[in-house]
Amino acid sequence: MLSHQADIGELRARFDTSREKGDDRCSSERELNHRVLRLHFRTRCAKNTFTEEKQLLKKIKQLEETRQEIVVSDALKQKRFNDSMEWVNRPIYPDRYSCNSFP
């Protein structure tokens, strides 16, 4: 069981290279959308002072500026994952492995 968990941790580390310790960037577009929506909700529904609201809007703007970088990162992660799983879609050729194919 521990070996299986170690393998999962290794895969996560391999495919999630964007998040460093102490780094506040989003690791996916889904996470970015969640953070932006949460901040918008706080601006609409919470009792904020003017300076708090300005800080929230500034944080939303900063997050939105990273959107393109995150989309590219997601695409690269998906490509690496697809490349690593390419063997799953390979066709099996029984003619190559039958006894009749040897001279």
C-alpha atoms as a PDB file:
ATOM      1  CA  MET A   1       0.000   0.000   0.000  1.00  0.00           C
ATOM      2  CA  LEU A   2       2.806   2.414   0.832  1.00  0.00           C
ATOM      3  CA  SER A   3       4.433   1.755  -2.532  1.00  0.00           C
ATOM      4  CA  HIS A   4       1.180   2.620  -4.287  1.00  0.00           C
ATOM      5  CA  GLN A   5       0.894   5.881  -2.328  1.00  0.00           C
ATOM      6  CA  ALA A   6       4.516   6.725  -3.141  1.00  0.00           C
ATOM      7  CA  ASP A   7       3.772   6.171  -6.839  1.00  0.00           C
ATOM      8  CA  ILE A   8       0.753   8.499  -6.657  1.00  0.00           C
ATOM      9  CA  GLY A   9       2.857  11.153  -4.920  1.00  0.00           C
ATOM     10  CA  GLU A  10       5.527  10.820  -7.601  1.00  0.00           C
ATOM     11  CA  LEU A  11       2.951  11.248 -10.383  1.00  0.00           C
ATOM     12  CA  ARG A  12       1.458  14.314  -8.691  1.00  0.00           C
ATOM     13  CA  ALA A  13       4.901  15.851  -8.345  1.00  0.00           C
ATOM     14  CA  ARG A  14       5.629  15.083 -11.996  1.00  0.00           C
ATOM     15  CA  PHE A  15       2.446  16.596 -13.406  1.00  0.00           C
ATOM     16  CA  ASP A  16       1.951  19.463 -10.939  1.00  0.00           C
ATOM     17  CA  THR A  17       5.184  21.383 -11.393  1.00  0.00           C
ATOM     18  CA  SER A  18       3.604  24.828 -11.251  1.00  0.00           C
ATOM     19  CA  ARG A  19       3.009  24.896  -7.493  1.00  0.00           C
ATOM     20  CA  GLU A  20       6.124  25.537  -5.435  1.00  0.00           C
ATOM     21  CA  LYS A  21       6.151  25.788  -1.670  1.00  0.00           C
ATOM     22  CA  GLY A  22       4.905  29.239  -0.690  1.00  0.00           C
ATOM     23  CA  ASP A  23       3.764  30.005  -4.238  1.00  0.00           C
ATOM     24  CA  ASP A  24       0.287  31.535  -4.418  1.00  0.00           C
ATOM     25  CA  ARG A  25      -0.349  30.822  -8.098  1.00  0.00           C
ATOM     26  CA  CYS A  26      -3.246  28.670  -9.180  1.00  0.00           C
ATOM     27  CA  SER A  27      -2.439  25.194 -10.417  1.00  0.00           C
ATOM     28  CA  SER A  28      -5.373  24.950 -12.833  1.00  0.00           C
ATOM     29  CA  GLU A  29      -7.947  27.069 -14.598  1.00  0.00           C
ATOM     30  CA  ARG A  30     -10.626  25.489 -12.443  1.00  0.00           C
ATOM     31  CA  GLU A  31      -8.850  26.662  -9.286  1.00  0.00           C
ATOM     32  CA  LEU A  32      -8.407  30.130 -10.798  1.00  0.00           C
ATOM     33  CA  ASN A  33     -12.124  30.367 -11.592  1.00  0.00           C
ATOM     34  CA  HIS A  34     -12.967  29.254  -8.065  1.00  0.00           C
ATOM     35  CA  ARG A  35     -10.720  31.887  -6.492  1.00  0.00           C
ATOM     36  CA  VAL A  36     -12.040  34.670  -8.720  1.00  0.00           C
ATOM     37  CA  LEU A  37     -15.659  33.736  -8.011  1.00  0.00           C
ATOM     38  CA  ARG A  38     -14.967  33.577  -4.296  1.00  0.00           C
ATOM     39  CA  LEU A  39     -13.404  37.051  -4.375  1.00  0.00           C
ATOM     40  CA  HIS A  40     -16.319  38.433  -6.422  1.00  0.00           C
ATOM     41  CA  PHE A  41     -18.709  36.978  -3.876  1.00  0.00           C
ATOM     42  CA  ARG A  42     -16.803  38.683  -1.068  1.00  0.00           C
ATOM     43  CA  THR A  43     -17.015  42.035  -2.863  1.00  0.00           C
ATOM     44  CA  ARG A  44     -20.779  41.664  -3.366  1.00  0.00           C
ATOM     45  CA  CYS A  45     -21.950  40.042  -0.139  1.00  0.00           C
ATOM     46  CA  ALA A  46     -19.490  40.973   2.591  1.00  0.00           C
ATOM     47  CA  LYS A  47     -19.381  44.253   4.455  1.00  0.00           C
ATOM     48  CA  ASN A  48     -16.076  45.646   3.239  1.00  0.00           C
ATOM     49  CA  THR A  49     -14.474  48.988   3.721  1.00  0.00           C
ATOM     50  CA  PHE A  50     -13.475  50.904   0.635  1.00  0.00           C
ATOM     51  CA  THR A  51      -9.806  49.898   1.022  1.00  0.00           C
ATOM     52  CA  GLU A  52     -10.731  46.222   1.525  1.00  0.00           C
ATOM     53  CA  GLU A  53     -12.844  46.286  -1.613  1.00  0.00           C
ATOM     54  CA  LYS A  54     -10.010  47.902  -3.572  1.00  0.00           C
ATOM     55  CA  GLN A  55      -7.666  45.142  -2.354  1.00  0.00           C
ATOM     56  CA  LEU A  56     -10.129  42.457  -3.412  1.00  0.00           C
ATOM     57  CA  LEU A  57     -10.512  43.991  -6.871  1.00  0.00           C
ATOM     58  CA  LYS A  58      -6.736  44.278  -7.174  1.00  0.00           C
ATOM     59  CA  LYS A  59      -6.359  40.591  -6.285  1.00  0.00           C
ATOM     60  CA  ILE A  60      -9.010  39.662  -8.886  1.00  0.00           C
ATOM     61  CA  LYS A  61      -7.127  41.650 -11.512  1.00  0.00           C
ATOM     62  CA  GLN A  62      -3.842  39.931 -10.573  1.00  0.00           C
ATOM     63  CA  LEU A  63      -5.459  36.520 -10.842  1.00  0.00           C
ATOM     64  CA  GLU A  64      -7.016  37.346 -14.220  1.00  0.00           C
ATOM     65  CA  GLU A  65      -3.619  38.456 -15.541  1.00  0.00           C
ATOM     66  CA  THR A  66      -2.278  34.946 -14.887  1.00  0.00           C
ATOM     67  CA  ARG A  67      -5.107  33.232 -16.787  1.00  0.00           C
ATOM     68  CA  GLN A  68      -3.228  32.827 -20.096  1.00  0.00           C
ATOM     69  CA  GLU A  69      -0.196  31.338 -18.352  1.00  0.00           C
ATOM     70  CA  ILE A  70      -2.406  28.876 -16.463  1.00  0.00           C
ATOM     71  CA  VAL A  71      -4.263  27.830 -19.620  1.00  0.00           C
ATOM     72  CA  VAL A  72      -0.944  27.111 -21.350  1.00  0.00           C
ATOM     73  CA  SER A  73       0.282  25.204 -18.297  1.00  0.00           C
ATOM     74  CA  ASP A  74      -2.900  23.110 -18.262  1.00  0.00           C
ATOM     75  CA  ALA A  75      -2.479  22.323 -21.952  1.00  0.00           C
ATOM     76  CA  LEU A  76       1.130  21.243 -21.416  1.00  0.00           C
ATOM     77  CA  LYS A  77       0.140  19.044 -18.475  1.00  0.00           C
ATOM     78  CA  GLN A  78      -2.568  17.428 -20.587  1.00  0.00           C
ATOM     79  CA  LYS A  79      -0.132  16.847 -23.451  1.00  0.00           C
ATOM     80  CA  ARG A  80       2.445  15.255 -21.130  1.00  0.00           C
ATOM     81  CA  PHE A  81      -0.248  13.050 -19.639  1.00  0.00           C
ATOM     82  CA  ASN A  82      -1.509  12.018 -23.086  1.00  0.00           C
ATOM     83  CA  ASP A  83       2.043  11.283 -24.230  1.00  0.00           C
ATOM     84  CA  SER A  84       2.697   9.137 -21.171  1.00  0.00           C
ATOM     85  CA  MET A  85      -0.541   7.205 -21.765  1.00  0.00           C
ATOM     86  CA  GLU A  86       0.015   6.748 -25.493  1.00  0.00           C
ATOM     87  CA  TRP A  87       0.677   3.028 -25.106  1.00  0.00           C
ATOM     88  CA  VAL A  88      -2.943   2.496 -24.027  1.00  0.00           C
ATOM     89  CA  ASN A  89      -4.251   3.340 -27.481  1.00  0.00           C
ATOM     90  CA  ARG A  90      -1.733   1.293 -29.454  1.00  0.00           C
ATOM     91  CA  PRO A  91      -3.338  -1.460 -31.540  1.00  0.00           C
ATOM     92  CA  ILE A  92      -2.351  -5.049 -30.908  1.00  0.00           C
ATOM     93  CA  TYR A  93      -1.097  -6.935 -33.950  1.00  0.00           C
ATOM     94  CA  PRO A  94      -1.651 -10.665 -33.324  1.00  0.00           C
ATOM     95  CA  ASP A  95       0.140 -11.552 -36.605  1.00  0.00           C
ATOM     96  CA  ARG A  96       3.450 -10.356 -35.188  1.00  0.00           C
ATOM     97  CA  TYR A  97       3.189 -12.589 -32.154  1.00  0.00           C
ATOM     98  CA  SER A  98       1.765 -15.752 -33.643  1.00  0.00           C
ATOM     99  CA  CYS A  99       3.851 -18.876 -34.163  1.00  0.00           C
ATOM    100  CA  ASN A 100       3.266 -18.676 -37.940  1.00  0.00           C
ATOM    101  CA  SER A 101       5.131 -15.385 -38.260  1.00  0.00           C
ATOM    102  CA  PHE A 102       8.530 -16.915 -37.488  1.00  0.00           C
ATOM    103  CA  PRO A 103      10.526 -18.413 -40.387  1.00  0.00           C
END
